[in-house]
Amino acid sequence: MISLYLNLSSKSKIKEVSTYNKHIGFGPLSTSILSKMLELKLDEFRNIGHFNFALNTPTDFPNCLIEIAFLCNEADKKIL
């Protein structure tokens, strides 16, 4: 399961992507997704493990939350 999240900030120049996983076993999935997202020329924030997000609770499927881009950044909006 992949949860997609679009960011918003008062800083119009901010441009970064990050991935989150709640369980250590899903770390390789979120790290792999982050490396692919960086190919889109987004700035890396980081991969965050053990993030407590409701949609990332235990499931039968590996899961990852991806913060894709910032809606306030014109370059990010074009990528989207």
PDB file of N, CA and C in Angstrom:
ATOM      1  N   MET A   1       0.847  -1.161   0.000  1.00  0.00           N
ATOM      2  CA  MET A   1       0.000   0.000   0.000  1.00  0.00           C
ATOM      3  C   MET A   1       0.897   1.231   0.000  1.00  0.00           C
ATOM      4  N   ILE A   2       0.569   2.177  -0.862  1.00  0.00           N
ATOM      5  CA  ILE A   2       1.315   3.421  -0.919  1.00  0.00           C
ATOM      6  C   ILE A   2       0.349   4.569  -0.677  1.00  0.00           C
ATOM      7  N   SER A   3       0.640   5.388   0.331  1.00  0.00           N
ATOM      8  CA  SER A   3      -0.163   6.572   0.639  1.00  0.00           C
ATOM      9  C   SER A   3       0.565   7.783   0.069  1.00  0.00           C
ATOM     10  N   LEU A   4      -0.127   8.549  -0.760  1.00  0.00           N
ATOM     11  CA  LEU A   4       0.470   9.736  -1.366  1.00  0.00           C
ATOM     12  C   LEU A   4      -0.018  10.977  -0.637  1.00  0.00           C
ATOM     13  N   TYR A   5       0.904  11.871  -0.344  1.00  0.00           N
ATOM     14  CA  TYR A   5       0.580  13.074   0.406  1.00  0.00           C
ATOM     15  C   TYR A   5       1.227  14.262  -0.292  1.00  0.00           C
ATOM     16  N   LEU A   6       0.443  15.291  -0.576  1.00  0.00           N
ATOM     17  CA  LEU A   6       0.964  16.513  -1.175  1.00  0.00           C
ATOM     18  C   LEU A   6       1.118  17.563  -0.082  1.00  0.00           C
ATOM     19  N   ASN A   7       2.274  18.192  -0.029  1.00  0.00           N
ATOM     20  CA  ASN A   7       2.571  19.189   0.992  1.00  0.00           C
ATOM     21  C   ASN A   7       2.134  20.581   0.582  1.00  0.00           C
ATOM     22  N   LEU A   8       2.038  21.453   1.564  1.00  0.00           N
ATOM     23  CA  LEU A   8       1.771  22.865   1.348  1.00  0.00           C
ATOM     24  C   LEU A   8       2.558  23.631   2.408  1.00  0.00           C
ATOM     25  N   SER A   9       3.118  24.762   2.022  1.00  0.00           N
ATOM     26  CA  SER A   9       3.909  25.564   2.951  1.00  0.00           C
ATOM     27  C   SER A   9       3.745  27.033   2.599  1.00  0.00           C
ATOM     28  N   SER A  10       4.053  27.891   3.547  1.00  0.00           N
ATOM     29  CA  SER A  10       4.053  29.327   3.266  1.00  0.00           C
ATOM     30  C   SER A  10       5.310  29.727   2.491  1.00  0.00           C
ATOM     31  N   LYS A  11       6.282  28.823   2.402  1.00  0.00           N
ATOM     32  CA  LYS A  11       7.525  29.068   1.660  1.00  0.00           C
ATOM     33  C   LYS A  11       7.357  28.561   0.230  1.00  0.00           C
ATOM     34  N   SER A  12       7.228  29.455  -0.723  1.00  0.00           N
ATOM     35  CA  SER A  12       6.943  29.053  -2.104  1.00  0.00           C
ATOM     36  C   SER A  12       8.137  28.403  -2.795  1.00  0.00           C
ATOM     37  N   LYS A  13       9.321  28.521  -2.250  1.00  0.00           N
ATOM     38  CA  LYS A  13      10.517  27.939  -2.884  1.00  0.00           C
ATOM     39  C   LYS A  13      10.847  26.552  -2.371  1.00  0.00           C
ATOM     40  N   ILE A  14      10.161  26.094  -1.340  1.00  0.00           N
ATOM     41  CA  ILE A  14      10.458  24.779  -0.770  1.00  0.00           C
ATOM     42  C   ILE A  14      10.154  23.695  -1.797  1.00  0.00           C
ATOM     43  N   LYS A  15      11.048  22.712  -1.884  1.00  0.00           N
ATOM     44  CA  LYS A  15      10.927  21.663  -2.910  1.00  0.00           C
ATOM     45  C   LYS A  15      11.626  20.414  -2.389  1.00  0.00           C
ATOM     46  N   GLU A  16      10.889  19.506  -1.836  1.00  0.00           N
ATOM     47  CA  GLU A  16      11.514  18.294  -1.315  1.00  0.00           C
ATOM     48  C   GLU A  16      10.535  17.140  -1.300  1.00  0.00           C
ATOM     49  N   VAL A  17      11.079  15.950  -1.185  1.00  0.00           N
ATOM     50  CA  VAL A  17      10.292  14.730  -1.133  1.00  0.00           C
ATOM     51  C   VAL A  17      10.811  13.882   0.030  1.00  0.00           C
ATOM     52  N   SER A  18       9.901  13.167   0.673  1.00  0.00           N
ATOM     53  CA  SER A  18      10.312  12.285   1.763  1.00  0.00           C
ATOM     54  C   SER A  18       9.412  11.056   1.779  1.00  0.00           C
ATOM     55  N   THR A  19       9.915   9.998   2.396  1.00  0.00           N
ATOM     56  CA  THR A  19       9.134   8.771   2.554  1.00  0.00           C
ATOM     57  C   THR A  19       9.127   8.380   4.024  1.00  0.00           C
ATOM     58  N   TYR A  20       8.078   7.689   4.402  1.00  0.00           N
ATOM     59  CA  TYR A  20       7.884   7.298   5.798  1.00  0.00           C
ATOM     60  C   TYR A  20       7.424   5.847   5.863  1.00  0.00           C
ATOM     61  N   ASN A  21       7.909   5.149   6.848  1.00  0.00           N
ATOM     62  CA  ASN A  21       7.399   3.811   7.126  1.00  0.00           C
ATOM     63  C   ASN A  21       7.267   3.653   8.628  1.00  0.00           C
ATOM     64  N   LYS A  22       6.276   2.898   9.035  1.00  0.00           N
ATOM     65  CA  LYS A  22       6.047   2.719  10.473  1.00  0.00           C
ATOM     66  C   LYS A  22       6.837   1.543  11.030  1.00  0.00           C
ATOM     67  N   HIS A  23       6.995   0.512  10.234  1.00  0.00           N
ATOM     68  CA  HIS A  23       7.626  -0.723  10.722  1.00  0.00           C
ATOM     69  C   HIS A  23       8.956  -0.942  10.020  1.00  0.00           C
ATOM     70  N   ILE A  24       9.957  -1.332  10.771  1.00  0.00           N
ATOM     71  CA  ILE A  24      11.314  -1.482  10.259  1.00  0.00           C
ATOM     72  C   ILE A  24      11.374  -2.405   9.038  1.00  0.00           C
ATOM     73  N   GLY A  25      10.510  -3.380   8.985  1.00  0.00           N
ATOM     74  CA  GLY A  25      10.498  -4.308   7.854  1.00  0.00           C
ATOM     75  C   GLY A  25      10.110  -3.657   6.542  1.00  0.00           C
ATOM     76  N   PHE A  26       9.480  -2.488   6.620  1.00  0.00           N
ATOM     77  CA  PHE A  26       9.066  -1.787   5.397  1.00  0.00           C
ATOM     78  C   PHE A  26      10.082  -0.718   4.993  1.00  0.00           C
ATOM     79  N   GLY A  27      11.173  -0.594   5.739  1.00  0.00           N
ATOM     80  CA  GLY A  27      12.211   0.384   5.432  1.00  0.00           C
ATOM     81  C   GLY A  27      12.800   0.242   4.036  1.00  0.00           C
ATOM     82  N   PRO A  28      13.130  -0.975   3.587  1.00  0.00           N
ATOM     83  CA  PRO A  28      13.671  -1.117   2.232  1.00  0.00           C
ATOM     84  C   PRO A  28      12.697  -0.622   1.153  1.00  0.00           C
ATOM     85  N   LEU A  29      11.407  -0.814   1.356  1.00  0.00           N
ATOM     86  CA  LEU A  29      10.415  -0.326   0.395  1.00  0.00           C
ATOM     87  C   LEU A  29      10.439   1.192   0.332  1.00  0.00           C
ATOM     88  N   SER A  30      10.393   1.865   1.482  1.00  0.00           N
ATOM     89  CA  SER A  30      10.351   3.329   1.478  1.00  0.00           C
ATOM     90  C   SER A  30      11.667   3.927   0.980  1.00  0.00           C
ATOM     91  N   THR A  31      12.781   3.282   1.275  1.00  0.00           N
ATOM     92  CA  THR A  31      14.071   3.760   0.778  1.00  0.00           C
ATOM     93  C   THR A  31      14.161   3.638  -0.738  1.00  0.00           C
ATOM     94  N   SER A  32      13.685   2.539  -1.265  1.00  0.00           N
ATOM     95  CA  SER A  32      13.686   2.321  -2.714  1.00  0.00           C
ATOM     96  C   SER A  32      12.789   3.328  -3.434  1.00  0.00           C
ATOM     97  N   ILE A  33      11.612   3.585  -2.874  1.00  0.00           N
ATOM     98  CA  ILE A  33      10.698   4.562  -3.466  1.00  0.00           C
ATOM     99  C   ILE A  33      11.326   5.956  -3.438  1.00  0.00           C
ATOM    100  N   LEU A  34      11.977   6.312  -2.338  1.00  0.00           N
ATOM    101  CA  LEU A  34      12.620   7.622  -2.238  1.00  0.00           C
ATOM    102  C   LEU A  34      13.682   7.783  -3.331  1.00  0.00           C
ATOM    103  N   SER A  35      14.480   6.767  -3.561  1.00  0.00           N
ATOM    104  CA  SER A  35      15.534   6.894  -4.572  1.00  0.00           C
ATOM    105  C   SER A  35      14.935   7.112  -5.964  1.00  0.00           C
ATOM    106  N   LYS A  36      13.809   6.484  -6.253  1.00  0.00           N
ATOM    107  CA  LYS A  36      13.133   6.700  -7.542  1.00  0.00           C
ATOM    108  C   LYS A  36      12.533   8.104  -7.622  1.00  0.00           C
ATOM    109  N   MET A  37      11.974   8.592  -6.517  1.00  0.00           N
ATOM    110  CA  MET A  37      11.396   9.940  -6.507  1.00  0.00           C
ATOM    111  C   MET A  37      12.469  11.007  -6.740  1.00  0.00           C
ATOM    112  N   LEU A  38      13.677  10.756  -6.261  1.00  0.00           N
ATOM    113  CA  LEU A  38      14.754  11.729  -6.428  1.00  0.00           C
ATOM    114  C   LEU A  38      15.169  11.871  -7.891  1.00  0.00           C
ATOM    115  N   GLU A  39      14.850  10.887  -8.712  1.00  0.00           N
ATOM    116  CA  GLU A  39      15.120  10.981 -10.148  1.00  0.00           C
ATOM    117  C   GLU A  39      14.271  12.064 -10.809  1.00  0.00           C
ATOM    118  N   LEU A  40      13.224  12.539 -10.131  1.00  0.00           N
ATOM    119  CA  LEU A  40      12.373  13.609 -10.659  1.00  0.00           C
ATOM    120  C   LEU A  40      12.946  14.997 -10.364  1.00  0.00           C
ATOM    121  N   LYS A  41      14.156  15.031  -9.824  1.00  0.00           N
ATOM    122  CA  LYS A  41      14.847  16.284  -9.508  1.00  0.00           C
ATOM    123  C   LYS A  41      14.214  17.048  -8.349  1.00  0.00           C
ATOM    124  N   LEU A  42      13.542  16.333  -7.457  1.00  0.00           N
ATOM    125  CA  LEU A  42      13.049  16.934  -6.224  1.00  0.00           C
ATOM    126  C   LEU A  42      14.165  16.861  -5.191  1.00  0.00           C
ATOM    127  N   ASP A  43      14.218  17.820  -4.310  1.00  0.00           N
ATOM    128  CA  ASP A  43      15.225  17.800  -3.253  1.00  0.00           C
ATOM    129  C   ASP A  43      14.831  16.780  -2.195  1.00  0.00           C
ATOM    130  N   GLU A  44      15.818  16.085  -1.680  1.00  0.00           N
ATOM    131  CA  GLU A  44      15.551  15.060  -0.671  1.00  0.00           C
ATOM    132  C   GLU A  44      15.420  15.675   0.712  1.00  0.00           C
ATOM    133  N   PHE A  45      14.347  15.336   1.392  1.00  0.00           N
ATOM    134  CA  PHE A  45      14.238  15.662   2.809  1.00  0.00           C
ATOM    135  C   PHE A  45      14.861  14.502   3.567  1.00  0.00           C
ATOM    136  N   ARG A  46      14.267  13.321   3.443  1.00  0.00           N
ATOM    137  CA  ARG A  46      14.864  12.096   3.999  1.00  0.00           C
ATOM    138  C   ARG A  46      13.846  10.957   4.000  1.00  0.00           C
ATOM    139  N   ASN A  47      14.336   9.798   4.360  1.00  0.00           N
ATOM    140  CA  ASN A  47      13.491   8.637   4.608  1.00  0.00           C
ATOM    141  C   ASN A  47      13.353   8.531   6.116  1.00  0.00           C
ATOM    142  N   ILE A  48      12.136   8.469   6.586  1.00  0.00           N
ATOM    143  CA  ILE A  48      11.889   8.460   8.026  1.00  0.00           C
ATOM    144  C   ILE A  48      11.262   7.129   8.414  1.00  0.00           C
ATOM    145  N   GLY A  49      11.930   6.409   9.268  1.00  0.00           N
ATOM    146  CA  GLY A  49      11.414   5.138   9.743  1.00  0.00           C
ATOM    147  C   GLY A  49      10.651   5.301  11.041  1.00  0.00           C
ATOM    148  N   HIS A  50       9.816   4.350  11.331  1.00  0.00           N
ATOM    149  CA  HIS A  50       9.046   4.314  12.574  1.00  0.00           C
ATOM    150  C   HIS A  50       8.142   5.533  12.733  1.00  0.00           C
ATOM    151  N   PHE A  51       7.586   6.017  11.648  1.00  0.00           N
ATOM    152  CA  PHE A  51       6.688   7.161  11.684  1.00  0.00           C
ATOM    153  C   PHE A  51       5.293   6.685  12.066  1.00  0.00           C
ATOM    154  N   ASN A  52       4.675   7.314  13.036  1.00  0.00           N
ATOM    155  CA  ASN A  52       3.368   6.896  13.532  1.00  0.00           C
ATOM    156  C   ASN A  52       2.252   7.571  12.728  1.00  0.00           C
ATOM    157  N   PHE A  53       1.822   6.911  11.673  1.00  0.00           N
ATOM    158  CA  PHE A  53       0.771   7.423  10.801  1.00  0.00           C
ATOM    159  C   PHE A  53      -0.317   6.367  10.716  1.00  0.00           C
ATOM    160  N   ALA A  54      -1.565   6.759  10.883  1.00  0.00           N
ATOM    161  CA  ALA A  54      -2.675   5.809  10.987  1.00  0.00           C
ATOM    162  C   ALA A  54      -2.769   4.862   9.793  1.00  0.00           C
ATOM    163  N   LEU A  55      -2.541   5.355   8.579  1.00  0.00           N
ATOM    164  CA  LEU A  55      -2.654   4.477   7.407  1.00  0.00           C
ATOM    165  C   LEU A  55      -1.511   3.485   7.300  1.00  0.00           C
ATOM    166  N   ASN A  56      -0.464   3.676   8.089  1.00  0.00           N
ATOM    167  CA  ASN A  56       0.669   2.764   8.057  1.00  0.00           C
ATOM    168  C   ASN A  56       0.637   1.765   9.207  1.00  0.00           C
ATOM    169  N   THR A  57      -0.544   1.504   9.742  1.00  0.00           N
ATOM    170  CA  THR A  57      -0.658   0.508  10.797  1.00  0.00           C
ATOM    171  C   THR A  57      -0.440  -0.877  10.204  1.00  0.00           C
ATOM    172  N   PRO A  58      -0.244  -1.875  11.031  1.00  0.00           N
ATOM    173  CA  PRO A  58       0.034  -3.209  10.489  1.00  0.00           C
ATOM    174  C   PRO A  58      -1.045  -3.672   9.504  1.00  0.00           C
ATOM    175  N   THR A  59      -0.593  -4.149   8.386  1.00  0.00           N
ATOM    176  CA  THR A  59      -1.474  -4.735   7.366  1.00  0.00           C
ATOM    177  C   THR A  59      -0.805  -6.002   6.877  1.00  0.00           C
ATOM    178  N   ASP A  60      -1.479  -6.693   5.994  1.00  0.00           N
ATOM    179  CA  ASP A  60      -0.858  -7.858   5.365  1.00  0.00           C
ATOM    180  C   ASP A  60       0.092  -7.445   4.253  1.00  0.00           C
ATOM    181  N   PHE A  61       0.134  -6.141   3.939  1.00  0.00           N
ATOM    182  CA  PHE A  61       0.923  -5.646   2.826  1.00  0.00           C
ATOM    183  C   PHE A  61       1.968  -4.646   3.313  1.00  0.00           C
ATOM    184  N   PRO A  62       3.156  -4.663   2.734  1.00  0.00           N
ATOM    185  CA  PRO A  62       4.116  -3.599   3.025  1.00  0.00           C
ATOM    186  C   PRO A  62       3.493  -2.259   2.644  1.00  0.00           C
ATOM    187  N   ASN A  63       3.823  -1.207   3.388  1.00  0.00           N
ATOM    188  CA  ASN A  63       3.239   0.089   3.062  1.00  0.00           C
ATOM    189  C   ASN A  63       4.239   1.206   3.311  1.00  0.00           C
ATOM    190  N   CYS A  64       3.938   2.337   2.672  1.00  0.00           N
ATOM    191  CA  CYS A  64       4.826   3.494   2.725  1.00  0.00           C
ATOM    192  C   CYS A  64       3.996   4.754   2.504  1.00  0.00           C
ATOM    193  N   LEU A  65       4.312   5.812   3.243  1.00  0.00           N
ATOM    194  CA  LEU A  65       3.725   7.131   3.024  1.00  0.00           C
ATOM    195  C   LEU A  65       4.761   7.945   2.257  1.00  0.00           C
ATOM    196  N   ILE A  66       4.332   8.586   1.168  1.00  0.00           N
ATOM    197  CA  ILE A  66       5.238   9.409   0.374  1.00  0.00           C
ATOM    198  C   ILE A  66       4.741  10.843   0.385  1.00  0.00           C
ATOM    199  N   GLU A  67       5.581  11.754   0.846  1.00  0.00           N
ATOM    200  CA  GLU A  67       5.301  13.177   0.701  1.00  0.00           C
ATOM    201  C   GLU A  67       5.954  13.570  -0.614  1.00  0.00           C
ATOM    202  N   ILE A  68       5.115  13.775  -1.625  1.00  0.00           N
ATOM    203  CA  ILE A  68       5.589  13.889  -3.001  1.00  0.00           C
ATOM    204  C   ILE A  68       6.187  15.247  -3.336  1.00  0.00           C
ATOM    205  N   ALA A  69       5.438  16.303  -3.122  1.00  0.00           N
ATOM    206  CA  ALA A  69       5.855  17.616  -3.597  1.00  0.00           C
ATOM    207  C   ALA A  69       5.075  18.686  -2.839  1.00  0.00           C
ATOM    208  N   PHE A  70       5.427  19.932  -3.103  1.00  0.00           N
ATOM    209  CA  PHE A  70       4.742  21.047  -2.461  1.00  0.00           C
ATOM    210  C   PHE A  70       3.862  21.772  -3.465  1.00  0.00           C
ATOM    211  N   LEU A  71       2.586  21.889  -3.157  1.00  0.00           N
ATOM    212  CA  LEU A  71       1.637  22.553  -4.045  1.00  0.00           C
ATOM    213  C   LEU A  71       1.913  24.049  -4.184  1.00  0.00           C
ATOM    214  N   CYS A  72       2.654  24.625  -3.258  1.00  0.00           N
ATOM    215  CA  CYS A  72       2.971  26.057  -3.297  1.00  0.00           C
ATOM    216  C   CYS A  72       4.174  26.348  -4.195  1.00  0.00           C
ATOM    217  N   ASN A  73       4.871  25.318  -4.649  1.00  0.00           N
ATOM    218  CA  ASN A  73       6.050  25.488  -5.492  1.00  0.00           C
ATOM    219  C   ASN A  73       5.664  25.249  -6.945  1.00  0.00           C
ATOM    220  N   GLU A  74       5.868  26.250  -7.800  1.00  0.00           N
ATOM    221  CA  GLU A  74       5.451  26.147  -9.199  1.00  0.00           C
ATOM    222  C   GLU A  74       6.144  25.003  -9.942  1.00  0.00           C
ATOM    223  N   ALA A  75       7.418  24.783  -9.685  1.00  0.00           N
ATOM    224  CA  ALA A  75       8.145  23.686 -10.349  1.00  0.00           C
ATOM    225  C   ALA A  75       7.568  22.328  -9.922  1.00  0.00           C
ATOM    226  N   ASP A  76       7.264  22.174  -8.652  1.00  0.00           N
ATOM    227  CA  ASP A  76       6.672  20.924  -8.167  1.00  0.00           C
ATOM    228  C   ASP A  76       5.300  20.708  -8.802  1.00  0.00           C
ATOM    229  N   LYS A  77       4.510  21.765  -8.927  1.00  0.00           N
ATOM    230  CA  LYS A  77       3.186  21.627  -9.541  1.00  0.00           C
ATOM    231  C   LYS A  77       3.296  21.166 -10.992  1.00  0.00           C
ATOM    232  N   LYS A  78       4.319  21.618 -11.705  1.00  0.00           N
ATOM    233  CA  LYS A  78       4.506  21.183 -13.096  1.00  0.00           C
ATOM    234  C   LYS A  78       4.857  19.698 -13.151  1.00  0.00           C
ATOM    235  N   ILE A  79       5.678  19.254 -12.207  1.00  0.00           N
ATOM    236  CA  ILE A  79       6.044  17.830 -12.160  1.00  0.00           C
ATOM    237  C   ILE A  79       4.798  16.983 -11.906  1.00  0.00           C
ATOM    238  N   LEU A  80       3.939  17.462 -11.008  1.00  0.00           N
ATOM    239  CA  LEU A  80       2.713  16.727 -10.694  1.00  0.00           C
ATOM    240  C   LEU A  80       1.811  16.641 -11.903  1.00  0.00           C
TER     241      LEU A  80
END
